[in-house]
């Protein structure tokens, strides 16, 4: 009897323990499956977030590439219609008729005549063609000296003397005309004017003969303000400029008379003045 009792005990308890172990294994398996599913879902969520972030980055880069391509295309089209203006006077007139002291073939303390044509460069600026037959616009202060002669060098490197057709006494604008025999077949490339409202924040490009040395220089910025009223001055005096466009695109001496254009390649203004009190204003 005593030997049969343990046997009966295990007959009853053994199956229960087995069922418990099986249930534990199943429960553990279920927990493992749930955890694995949660972990995989977390990985999928992270991967989705990373994919979204990468998509946003790719879209941002694509927008920058589009804007850069638009800028390059506008510069290509606009630059061909912009020329450098050089003001020249007789060397004797500039030097006051005083004789030169020549040292090693160069004038010492006198006015240089690099082309040997008896003319000295006394000023520079920019102009742009608005009519294919050779009409250009510039600032009046670029061609204000009636005793000087004015020459334009095109983007293609051709240089010719121009006639000052008109100087506006109210606005700082002047009209120049190229000689008929200098007009190329098909006419000059020209720029058109924008009819769109100028908006603060819009992208603009300035093209000009920066410092009188770097023709065709291009700078980029935005419209920083509109309807500005400023007092601008030069050696010819000062004047009030109204309804001016303010931009942070770099404008330097020599840029005067050049176009300020939108990303459509349309002229919205003429580069006229720089504030010496500001930085890039």
C-alpha atoms as a PDB file:
ATOM      1  CA  UNK A   1       0.000   0.000   0.000  1.00  0.00           C
ATOM      2  CA  UNK A   2       2.777   2.416   0.912  1.00  0.00           C
ATOM      3  CA  UNK A   3       4.514   1.838  -2.427  1.00  0.00           C
ATOM      4  CA  UNK A   4       1.337   2.468  -4.382  1.00  0.00           C
ATOM      5  CA  UNK A   5       0.679   5.894  -2.802  1.00  0.00           C
ATOM      6  CA  UNK A   6       3.619   7.692  -4.474  1.00  0.00           C
ATOM      7  CA  UNK A   7       2.665   6.108  -7.729  1.00  0.00           C
ATOM      8  CA  UNK A   8      -0.891   7.373  -7.450  1.00  0.00           C
ATOM      9  CA  UNK A   9       0.410  10.806  -6.412  1.00  0.00           C
ATOM     10  CA  UNK A  10       2.506  11.136  -9.540  1.00  0.00           C
ATOM     11  CA  UNK A  11      -0.335   9.713 -11.592  1.00  0.00           C
ATOM     12  CA  UNK A  12      -2.444  12.719 -10.503  1.00  0.00           C
ATOM     13  CA  UNK A  13       0.248  15.403 -10.142  1.00  0.00           C
ATOM     14  CA  UNK A  14       2.419  14.556 -13.117  1.00  0.00           C
ATOM     15  CA  UNK A  15      -0.134  15.465 -15.783  1.00  0.00           C
ATOM     16  CA  UNK A  16      -0.892  18.714 -13.948  1.00  0.00           C
ATOM     17  CA  UNK A  17       2.773  19.672 -13.891  1.00  0.00           C
ATOM     18  CA  UNK A  18       3.066  18.805 -17.551  1.00  0.00           C
ATOM     19  CA  UNK A  19       0.051  20.880 -18.435  1.00  0.00           C
ATOM     20  CA  UNK A  20       1.440  23.757 -16.378  1.00  0.00           C
ATOM     21  CA  UNK A  21       4.782  23.560 -18.140  1.00  0.00           C
ATOM     22  CA  UNK A  22       3.041  23.439 -21.497  1.00  0.00           C
ATOM     23  CA  UNK A  23       0.868  26.437 -20.561  1.00  0.00           C
ATOM     24  CA  UNK A  24       3.961  28.332 -19.395  1.00  0.00           C
ATOM     25  CA  UNK A  25       5.728  27.550 -22.621  1.00  0.00           C
ATOM     26  CA  UNK A  26       2.759  28.694 -24.651  1.00  0.00           C
ATOM     27  CA  UNK A  27       2.457  31.875 -22.543  1.00  0.00           C
ATOM     28  CA  UNK A  28       6.170  32.534 -22.947  1.00  0.00           C
ATOM     29  CA  UNK A  29       5.852  31.993 -26.662  1.00  0.00           C
ATOM     30  CA  UNK A  30       2.934  34.408 -26.848  1.00  0.00           C
ATOM     31  CA  UNK A  31       4.824  37.019 -24.829  1.00  0.00           C
ATOM     32  CA  UNK A  32       7.823  36.545 -27.081  1.00  0.00           C
ATOM     33  CA  UNK A  33       5.666  36.939 -30.179  1.00  0.00           C
ATOM     34  CA  UNK A  34       4.020  40.081 -28.784  1.00  0.00           C
ATOM     35  CA  UNK A  35       7.396  41.576 -27.852  1.00  0.00           C
ATOM     36  CA  UNK A  36       8.855  40.673 -31.225  1.00  0.00           C
ATOM     37  CA  UNK A  37       5.865  42.233 -32.987  1.00  0.00           C
ATOM     38  CA  UNK A  38       6.176  45.402 -30.869  1.00  0.00           C
ATOM     39  CA  UNK A  39       9.901  45.573 -31.538  1.00  0.00           C
ATOM     40  CA  UNK A  40       9.413  45.091 -35.269  1.00  0.00           C
ATOM     41  CA  UNK A  41       6.691  47.756 -35.274  1.00  0.00           C
ATOM     42  CA  UNK A  42       9.053  50.121 -33.469  1.00  0.00           C
ATOM     43  CA  UNK A  43      11.734  49.445 -36.037  1.00  0.00           C
ATOM     44  CA  UNK A  44       9.228  50.022 -38.822  1.00  0.00           C
ATOM     45  CA  UNK A  45       8.162  53.309 -37.216  1.00  0.00           C
ATOM     46  CA  UNK A  46      11.782  54.475 -36.906  1.00  0.00           C
ATOM     47  CA  UNK A  47      12.448  53.413 -40.491  1.00  0.00           C
ATOM     48  CA  UNK A  48       9.330  55.299 -41.620  1.00  0.00           C
ATOM     49  CA  UNK A  49      10.428  58.420 -39.745  1.00  0.00           C
ATOM     50  CA  UNK A  50      13.895  58.142 -41.243  1.00  0.00           C
ATOM     51  CA  UNK A  51      12.368  57.660 -44.682  1.00  0.00           C
ATOM     52  CA  UNK A  52      10.158  60.730 -44.203  1.00  0.00           C
ATOM     53  CA  UNK A  53      13.106  62.780 -42.998  1.00  0.00           C
ATOM     54  CA  UNK A  54      15.170  61.669 -45.978  1.00  0.00           C
ATOM     55  CA  UNK A  55      12.267  62.492 -48.284  1.00  0.00           C
ATOM     56  CA  UNK A  56      12.010  65.989 -46.801  1.00  0.00           C
ATOM     57  CA  UNK A  57      15.772  66.446 -47.189  1.00  0.00           C
ATOM     58  CA  UNK A  58      15.613  65.299 -50.814  1.00  0.00           C
ATOM     59  CA  UNK A  59      12.728  67.691 -51.515  1.00  0.00           C
ATOM     60  CA  UNK A  60      14.616  70.590 -49.909  1.00  0.00           C
ATOM     61  CA  UNK A  61      17.737  69.807 -51.940  1.00  0.00           C
ATOM     62  CA  UNK A  62      15.616  69.583 -55.094  1.00  0.00           C
ATOM     63  CA  UNK A  63      14.154  73.041 -54.404  1.00  0.00           C
ATOM     64  CA  UNK A  64      17.653  74.479 -53.936  1.00  0.00           C
ATOM     65  CA  UNK A  65      18.812  72.873 -57.182  1.00  0.00           C
ATOM     66  CA  UNK A  66      15.785  74.339 -58.990  1.00  0.00           C
ATOM     67  CA  UNK A  67      16.472  77.817 -57.598  1.00  0.00           C
ATOM     68  CA  UNK A  68      20.148  77.561 -58.517  1.00  0.00           C
ATOM     69  CA  UNK A  69      19.269  76.465 -62.043  1.00  0.00           C
ATOM     70  CA  UNK A  70      16.796  79.354 -62.337  1.00  0.00           C
ATOM     71  CA  UNK A  71      19.468  81.802 -61.135  1.00  0.00           C
ATOM     72  CA  UNK A  72      22.045  80.506 -63.601  1.00  0.00           C
ATOM     73  CA  UNK A  73      19.553  80.729 -66.472  1.00  0.00           C
ATOM     74  CA  UNK A  74      18.542  84.299 -65.556  1.00  0.00           C
ATOM     75  CA  UNK A  75      22.183  85.384 -65.304  1.00  0.00           C
ATOM     76  CA  UNK A  76      22.889  83.819 -68.706  1.00  0.00           C
ATOM     77  CA  UNK A  77      20.015  85.703 -70.345  1.00  0.00           C
ATOM     78  CA  UNK A  78      20.459  89.014 -68.533  1.00  0.00           C
ATOM     79  CA  UNK A  79      24.235  89.413 -68.719  1.00  0.00           C
ATOM     80  CA  UNK A  80      24.251  89.614 -72.524  1.00  0.00           C
ATOM     81  CA  UNK A  81      22.166  92.795 -72.395  1.00  0.00           C
ATOM     82  CA  UNK A  82      24.350  94.589 -69.826  1.00  0.00           C
ATOM     83  CA  UNK A  83      27.361  96.727 -70.719  1.00  0.00           C
ATOM     84  CA  UNK A  84      30.082  98.607 -68.872  1.00  0.00           C
ATOM     85  CA  UNK A  85      30.202 102.388 -69.230  1.00  0.00           C
ATOM     86  CA  UNK A  86      33.505 104.293 -69.186  1.00  0.00           C
ATOM     87  CA  UNK A  87      33.747 108.088 -69.080  1.00  0.00           C
ATOM     88  CA  UNK A  88      36.853 109.549 -70.752  1.00  0.00           C
ATOM     89  CA  UNK A  89      38.357 112.992 -71.095  1.00  0.00           C
ATOM     90  CA  UNK A  90      41.347 114.528 -72.786  1.00  0.00           C
ATOM     91  CA  UNK A  91      44.497 113.830 -70.801  1.00  0.00           C
ATOM     92  CA  UNK A  92      45.434 117.507 -71.008  1.00  0.00           C
ATOM     93  CA  UNK A  93      42.036 118.563 -69.676  1.00  0.00           C
ATOM     94  CA  UNK A  94      42.257 116.167 -66.746  1.00  0.00           C
ATOM     95  CA  UNK A  95      45.852 117.097 -65.972  1.00  0.00           C
ATOM     96  CA  UNK A  96      45.104 120.804 -66.242  1.00  0.00           C
ATOM     97  CA  UNK A  97      47.506 121.161 -69.134  1.00  0.00           C
ATOM     98  CA  UNK A  98      50.563 120.592 -66.929  1.00  0.00           C
ATOM     99  CA  UNK A  99      53.455 118.627 -68.431  1.00  0.00           C
ATOM    100  CA  UNK A 100      54.129 115.074 -67.304  1.00  0.00           C
ATOM    101  CA  UNK A 101      57.293 113.852 -65.676  1.00  0.00           C
ATOM    102  CA  UNK A 102      58.079 110.627 -67.488  1.00  0.00           C
ATOM    103  CA  UNK A 103      59.756 107.820 -65.523  1.00  0.00           C
ATOM    104  CA  UNK A 104      60.436 104.521 -67.290  1.00  0.00           C
ATOM    105  CA  UNK A 105      57.901 105.431 -69.928  1.00  0.00           C
ATOM    106  CA  UNK A 106      55.107 106.076 -67.420  1.00  0.00           C
ATOM    107  CA  UNK A 107      53.787 109.411 -66.134  1.00  0.00           C
ATOM    108  CA  UNK A 108      54.825 110.184 -62.578  1.00  0.00           C
ATOM    109  CA  UNK A 109      51.972 111.679 -60.579  1.00  0.00           C
ATOM    110  CA  UNK A 110      50.045 112.374 -63.748  1.00  0.00           C
ATOM    111  CA  UNK A 111      47.020 110.947 -65.533  1.00  0.00           C
ATOM    112  CA  UNK A 112      47.471 107.631 -67.289  1.00  0.00           C
ATOM    113  CA  UNK A 113      46.569 107.142 -70.949  1.00  0.00           C
ATOM    114  CA  UNK A 114      46.555 103.344 -71.236  1.00  0.00           C
ATOM    115  CA  UNK A 115      45.314 103.266 -74.853  1.00  0.00           C
ATOM    116  CA  UNK A 116      47.587 106.029 -76.104  1.00  0.00           C
ATOM    117  CA  UNK A 117      44.623 107.848 -77.658  1.00  0.00           C
ATOM    118  CA  UNK A 118      44.974 111.013 -75.612  1.00  0.00           C
ATOM    119  CA  UNK A 119      42.027 110.082 -73.399  1.00  0.00           C
ATOM    120  CA  UNK A 120      42.040 109.235 -69.707  1.00  0.00           C
ATOM    121  CA  UNK A 121      39.392 107.210 -67.861  1.00  0.00           C
ATOM    122  CA  UNK A 122      37.622 109.477 -65.381  1.00  0.00           C
ATOM    123  CA  UNK A 123      34.569 107.442 -64.395  1.00  0.00           C
ATOM    124  CA  UNK A 124      32.716 104.182 -64.797  1.00  0.00           C
ATOM    125  CA  UNK A 125      29.279 102.691 -64.479  1.00  0.00           C
ATOM    126  CA  UNK A 126      26.852 100.275 -66.065  1.00  0.00           C
ATOM    127  CA  UNK A 127      24.074 100.424 -68.674  1.00  0.00           C
ATOM    128  CA  UNK A 128      21.673  97.923 -70.201  1.00  0.00           C
ATOM    129  CA  UNK A 129      19.978  97.679 -73.595  1.00  0.00           C
ATOM    130  CA  UNK A 130      16.228  98.316 -73.699  1.00  0.00           C
ATOM    131  CA  UNK A 131      15.868  98.485 -77.483  1.00  0.00           C
ATOM    132  CA  UNK A 132      17.510  96.156 -79.988  1.00  0.00           C
ATOM    133  CA  UNK A 133      18.516  99.059 -82.237  1.00  0.00           C
ATOM    134  CA  UNK A 134      20.938 100.271 -79.564  1.00  0.00           C
ATOM    135  CA  UNK A 135      19.155 102.307 -76.870  1.00  0.00           C
ATOM    136  CA  UNK A 136      20.474 101.848 -73.336  1.00  0.00           C
ATOM    137  CA  UNK A 137      19.416 103.020 -69.884  1.00  0.00           C
ATOM    138  CA  UNK A 138      21.779 104.095 -67.120  1.00  0.00           C
ATOM    139  CA  UNK A 139      21.891 106.528 -64.196  1.00  0.00           C
ATOM    140  CA  UNK A 140      22.108 110.208 -65.027  1.00  0.00           C
ATOM    141  CA  UNK A 141      24.975 110.606 -62.571  1.00  0.00           C
ATOM    142  CA  UNK A 142      27.011 108.057 -64.582  1.00  0.00           C
ATOM    143  CA  UNK A 143      26.940 110.345 -67.659  1.00  0.00           C
ATOM    144  CA  UNK A 144      26.407 113.711 -65.981  1.00  0.00           C
ATOM    145  CA  UNK A 145      29.639 115.348 -67.169  1.00  0.00           C
ATOM    146  CA  UNK A 146      28.837 117.017 -70.491  1.00  0.00           C
ATOM    147  CA  UNK A 147      32.535 117.546 -71.217  1.00  0.00           C
ATOM    148  CA  UNK A 148      33.297 113.816 -71.120  1.00  0.00           C
ATOM    149  CA  UNK A 149      32.961 111.205 -73.844  1.00  0.00           C
ATOM    150  CA  UNK A 150      31.235 107.923 -73.012  1.00  0.00           C
ATOM    151  CA  UNK A 151      32.046 104.445 -74.195  1.00  0.00           C
ATOM    152  CA  UNK A 152      30.213 101.161 -73.685  1.00  0.00           C
ATOM    153  CA  UNK A 153      31.802  97.720 -73.653  1.00  0.00           C
ATOM    154  CA  UNK A 154      29.316  94.917 -74.282  1.00  0.00           C
ATOM    155  CA  UNK A 155      29.345  91.493 -72.670  1.00  0.00           C
ATOM    156  CA  UNK A 156      30.862  90.193 -75.900  1.00  0.00           C
ATOM    157  CA  UNK A 157      33.845  92.531 -75.579  1.00  0.00           C
ATOM    158  CA  UNK A 158      32.944  95.074 -78.281  1.00  0.00           C
ATOM    159  CA  UNK A 159      33.575  98.702 -77.354  1.00  0.00           C
ATOM    160  CA  UNK A 160      32.149 101.813 -78.990  1.00  0.00           C
ATOM    161  CA  UNK A 161      31.412 105.436 -78.170  1.00  0.00           C
ATOM    162  CA  UNK A 162      27.786 106.196 -77.323  1.00  0.00           C
ATOM    163  CA  UNK A 163      25.688 109.333 -77.593  1.00  0.00           C
ATOM    164  CA  UNK A 164      23.872 110.668 -74.540  1.00  0.00           C
ATOM    165  CA  UNK A 165      20.329 111.110 -75.894  1.00  0.00           C
ATOM    166  CA  UNK A 166      18.691 112.423 -72.719  1.00  0.00           C
ATOM    167  CA  UNK A 167      19.402 113.170 -69.074  1.00  0.00           C
ATOM    168  CA  UNK A 168      16.348 113.205 -66.812  1.00  0.00           C
ATOM    169  CA  UNK A 169      16.491 116.200 -64.476  1.00  0.00           C
ATOM    170  CA  UNK A 170      13.957 114.758 -62.013  1.00  0.00           C
ATOM    171  CA  UNK A 171      14.943 111.100 -61.844  1.00  0.00           C
ATOM    172  CA  UNK A 172      18.478 109.726 -61.898  1.00  0.00           C
ATOM    173  CA  UNK A 173      18.042 108.196 -65.360  1.00  0.00           C
ATOM    174  CA  UNK A 174      19.723 108.767 -68.719  1.00  0.00           C
ATOM    175  CA  UNK A 175      19.315 107.306 -72.208  1.00  0.00           C
ATOM    176  CA  UNK A 176      22.283 106.364 -74.410  1.00  0.00           C
ATOM    177  CA  UNK A 177      22.420 105.368 -78.072  1.00  0.00           C
ATOM    178  CA  UNK A 178      24.941 103.111 -79.798  1.00  0.00           C
ATOM    179  CA  UNK A 179      26.159 104.047 -83.312  1.00  0.00           C
ATOM    180  CA  UNK A 180      24.121 102.475 -86.099  1.00  0.00           C
ATOM    181  CA  UNK A 181      27.170 100.789 -87.573  1.00  0.00           C
ATOM    182  CA  UNK A 182      27.767  99.000 -84.246  1.00  0.00           C
ATOM    183  CA  UNK A 183      24.323  97.399 -84.113  1.00  0.00           C
ATOM    184  CA  UNK A 184      24.756  93.657 -84.776  1.00  0.00           C
ATOM    185  CA  UNK A 185      22.603  91.766 -87.228  1.00  0.00           C
ATOM    186  CA  UNK A 186      19.359  91.033 -85.435  1.00  0.00           C
ATOM    187  CA  UNK A 187      19.995  93.818 -82.930  1.00  0.00           C
ATOM    188  CA  UNK A 188      21.258  93.868 -79.361  1.00  0.00           C
ATOM    189  CA  UNK A 189      19.910  91.615 -76.643  1.00  0.00           C
ATOM    190  CA  UNK A 190      17.497  93.612 -74.486  1.00  0.00           C
ATOM    191  CA  UNK A 191      15.857  93.503 -71.070  1.00  0.00           C
ATOM    192  CA  UNK A 192      12.181  94.052 -70.367  1.00  0.00           C
ATOM    193  CA  UNK A 193      10.552  95.650 -67.349  1.00  0.00           C
ATOM    194  CA  UNK A 194       8.439  93.790 -64.821  1.00  0.00           C
ATOM    195  CA  UNK A 195       4.759  94.614 -64.325  1.00  0.00           C
ATOM    196  CA  UNK A 196       4.624  92.589 -61.105  1.00  0.00           C
ATOM    197  CA  UNK A 197       4.406  94.233 -57.713  1.00  0.00           C
ATOM    198  CA  UNK A 198       7.790  94.379 -55.991  1.00  0.00           C
ATOM    199  CA  UNK A 199       7.499  92.357 -52.778  1.00  0.00           C
ATOM    200  CA  UNK A 200       9.716  92.436 -49.706  1.00  0.00           C
ATOM    201  CA  UNK A 201      11.520  89.106 -49.491  1.00  0.00           C
ATOM    202  CA  UNK A 202      11.577  88.317 -53.210  1.00  0.00           C
ATOM    203  CA  UNK A 203      14.888  87.213 -54.698  1.00  0.00           C
ATOM    204  CA  UNK A 204      16.724  89.726 -56.887  1.00  0.00           C
ATOM    205  CA  UNK A 205      19.966  89.857 -58.860  1.00  0.00           C
ATOM    206  CA  UNK A 206      22.153  92.899 -59.501  1.00  0.00           C
ATOM    207  CA  UNK A 207      24.405  92.956 -62.564  1.00  0.00           C
ATOM    208  CA  UNK A 208      27.078  95.560 -63.191  1.00  0.00           C
ATOM    209  CA  UNK A 209      30.629  96.781 -63.648  1.00  0.00           C
ATOM    210  CA  UNK A 210      31.668  96.454 -59.996  1.00  0.00           C
ATOM    211  CA  UNK A 211      34.371  98.929 -58.935  1.00  0.00           C
ATOM    212  CA  UNK A 212      34.851  99.804 -62.604  1.00  0.00           C
ATOM    213  CA  UNK A 213      37.061  96.708 -62.897  1.00  0.00           C
ATOM    214  CA  UNK A 214      34.875  93.614 -62.774  1.00  0.00           C
ATOM    215  CA  UNK A 215      32.415  93.871 -65.647  1.00  0.00           C
ATOM    216  CA  UNK A 216      29.407  91.606 -65.616  1.00  0.00           C
ATOM    217  CA  UNK A 217      29.607  91.010 -61.867  1.00  0.00           C
ATOM    218  CA  UNK A 218      26.472  89.384 -60.439  1.00  0.00           C
ATOM    219  CA  UNK A 219      25.268  89.575 -56.841  1.00  0.00           C
ATOM    220  CA  UNK A 220      22.172  88.007 -55.304  1.00  0.00           C
ATOM    221  CA  UNK A 221      19.918  89.064 -52.476  1.00  0.00           C
ATOM    222  CA  UNK A 222      16.370  89.931 -51.592  1.00  0.00           C
ATOM    223  CA  UNK A 223      14.193  93.026 -51.618  1.00  0.00           C
ATOM    224  CA  UNK A 224      14.696  94.401 -48.113  1.00  0.00           C
ATOM    225  CA  UNK A 225      12.234  97.269 -48.373  1.00  0.00           C
ATOM    226  CA  UNK A 226      10.219  99.381 -50.787  1.00  0.00           C
ATOM    227  CA  UNK A 227       9.137 103.009 -51.118  1.00  0.00           C
ATOM    228  CA  UNK A 228      12.302 104.251 -49.414  1.00  0.00           C
ATOM    229  CA  UNK A 229      13.222 107.922 -49.472  1.00  0.00           C
ATOM    230  CA  UNK A 230      16.956 108.680 -49.422  1.00  0.00           C
ATOM    231  CA  UNK A 231      19.388 111.519 -50.063  1.00  0.00           C
ATOM    232  CA  UNK A 232      22.100 110.393 -52.484  1.00  0.00           C
ATOM    233  CA  UNK A 233      25.183 112.415 -53.280  1.00  0.00           C
ATOM    234  CA  UNK A 234      28.204 112.505 -55.577  1.00  0.00           C
ATOM    235  CA  UNK A 235      30.785 115.032 -56.737  1.00  0.00           C
ATOM    236  CA  UNK A 236      27.972 116.669 -58.699  1.00  0.00           C
ATOM    237  CA  UNK A 237      25.879 117.333 -55.594  1.00  0.00           C
ATOM    238  CA  UNK A 238      23.097 115.534 -53.757  1.00  0.00           C
ATOM    239  CA  UNK A 239      19.492 114.789 -54.575  1.00  0.00           C
ATOM    240  CA  UNK A 240      16.386 113.196 -53.118  1.00  0.00           C
ATOM    241  CA  UNK A 241      15.474 109.752 -54.415  1.00  0.00           C
ATOM    242  CA  UNK A 242      11.895 108.669 -53.755  1.00  0.00           C
ATOM    243  CA  UNK A 243      10.160 105.292 -54.062  1.00  0.00           C
ATOM    244  CA  UNK A 244      13.514 103.517 -53.933  1.00  0.00           C
ATOM    245  CA  UNK A 245      13.865  99.752 -53.595  1.00  0.00           C
ATOM    246  CA  UNK A 246      16.165  98.628 -50.796  1.00  0.00           C
ATOM    247  CA  UNK A 247      18.105  95.396 -51.354  1.00  0.00           C
ATOM    248  CA  UNK A 248      20.847  93.485 -49.574  1.00  0.00           C
ATOM    249  CA  UNK A 249      22.336  92.348 -52.905  1.00  0.00           C
ATOM    250  CA  UNK A 250      25.853  93.828 -52.891  1.00  0.00           C
ATOM    251  CA  UNK A 251      26.000  97.095 -54.849  1.00  0.00           C
ATOM    252  CA  UNK A 252      29.419  98.684 -55.397  1.00  0.00           C
ATOM    253  CA  UNK A 253      30.757 101.790 -57.142  1.00  0.00           C
ATOM    254  CA  UNK A 254      30.581 101.002 -60.857  1.00  0.00           C
ATOM    255  CA  UNK A 255      27.276  99.134 -60.443  1.00  0.00           C
ATOM    256  CA  UNK A 256      25.396 102.400 -60.913  1.00  0.00           C
ATOM    257  CA  UNK A 257      23.074 102.223 -63.905  1.00  0.00           C
ATOM    258  CA  UNK A 258      22.915  98.437 -63.932  1.00  0.00           C
ATOM    259  CA  UNK A 259      19.677  96.453 -63.708  1.00  0.00           C
ATOM    260  CA  UNK A 260      18.133  94.928 -60.607  1.00  0.00           C
ATOM    261  CA  UNK A 261      16.204  91.925 -61.918  1.00  0.00           C
ATOM    262  CA  UNK A 262      13.779  89.317 -60.636  1.00  0.00           C
ATOM    263  CA  UNK A 263      14.181  85.573 -61.089  1.00  0.00           C
ATOM    264  CA  UNK A 264      12.017  86.010 -64.190  1.00  0.00           C
ATOM    265  CA  UNK A 265      14.849  88.054 -65.691  1.00  0.00           C
ATOM    266  CA  UNK A 266      12.733  91.219 -65.679  1.00  0.00           C
ATOM    267  CA  UNK A 267      14.014  94.616 -64.557  1.00  0.00           C
ATOM    268  CA  UNK A 268      12.422  95.923 -61.353  1.00  0.00           C
ATOM    269  CA  UNK A 269      14.848  98.810 -60.787  1.00  0.00           C
ATOM    270  CA  UNK A 270      18.158 100.484 -61.615  1.00  0.00           C
ATOM    271  CA  UNK A 271      21.028 100.202 -59.140  1.00  0.00           C
ATOM    272  CA  UNK A 272      21.668 103.751 -58.008  1.00  0.00           C
ATOM    273  CA  UNK A 273      23.135 104.301 -54.556  1.00  0.00           C
ATOM    274  CA  UNK A 274      24.918 102.622 -51.658  1.00  0.00           C
ATOM    275  CA  UNK A 275      24.610 103.605 -48.025  1.00  0.00           C
ATOM    276  CA  UNK A 276      28.019 104.253 -46.493  1.00  0.00           C
ATOM    277  CA  UNK A 277      26.471 104.055 -43.023  1.00  0.00           C
ATOM    278  CA  UNK A 278      25.181 100.524 -43.492  1.00  0.00           C
ATOM    279  CA  UNK A 279      26.617  97.171 -44.441  1.00  0.00           C
ATOM    280  CA  UNK A 280      25.559  95.933 -47.867  1.00  0.00           C
ATOM    281  CA  UNK A 281      22.656  98.394 -48.006  1.00  0.00           C
END
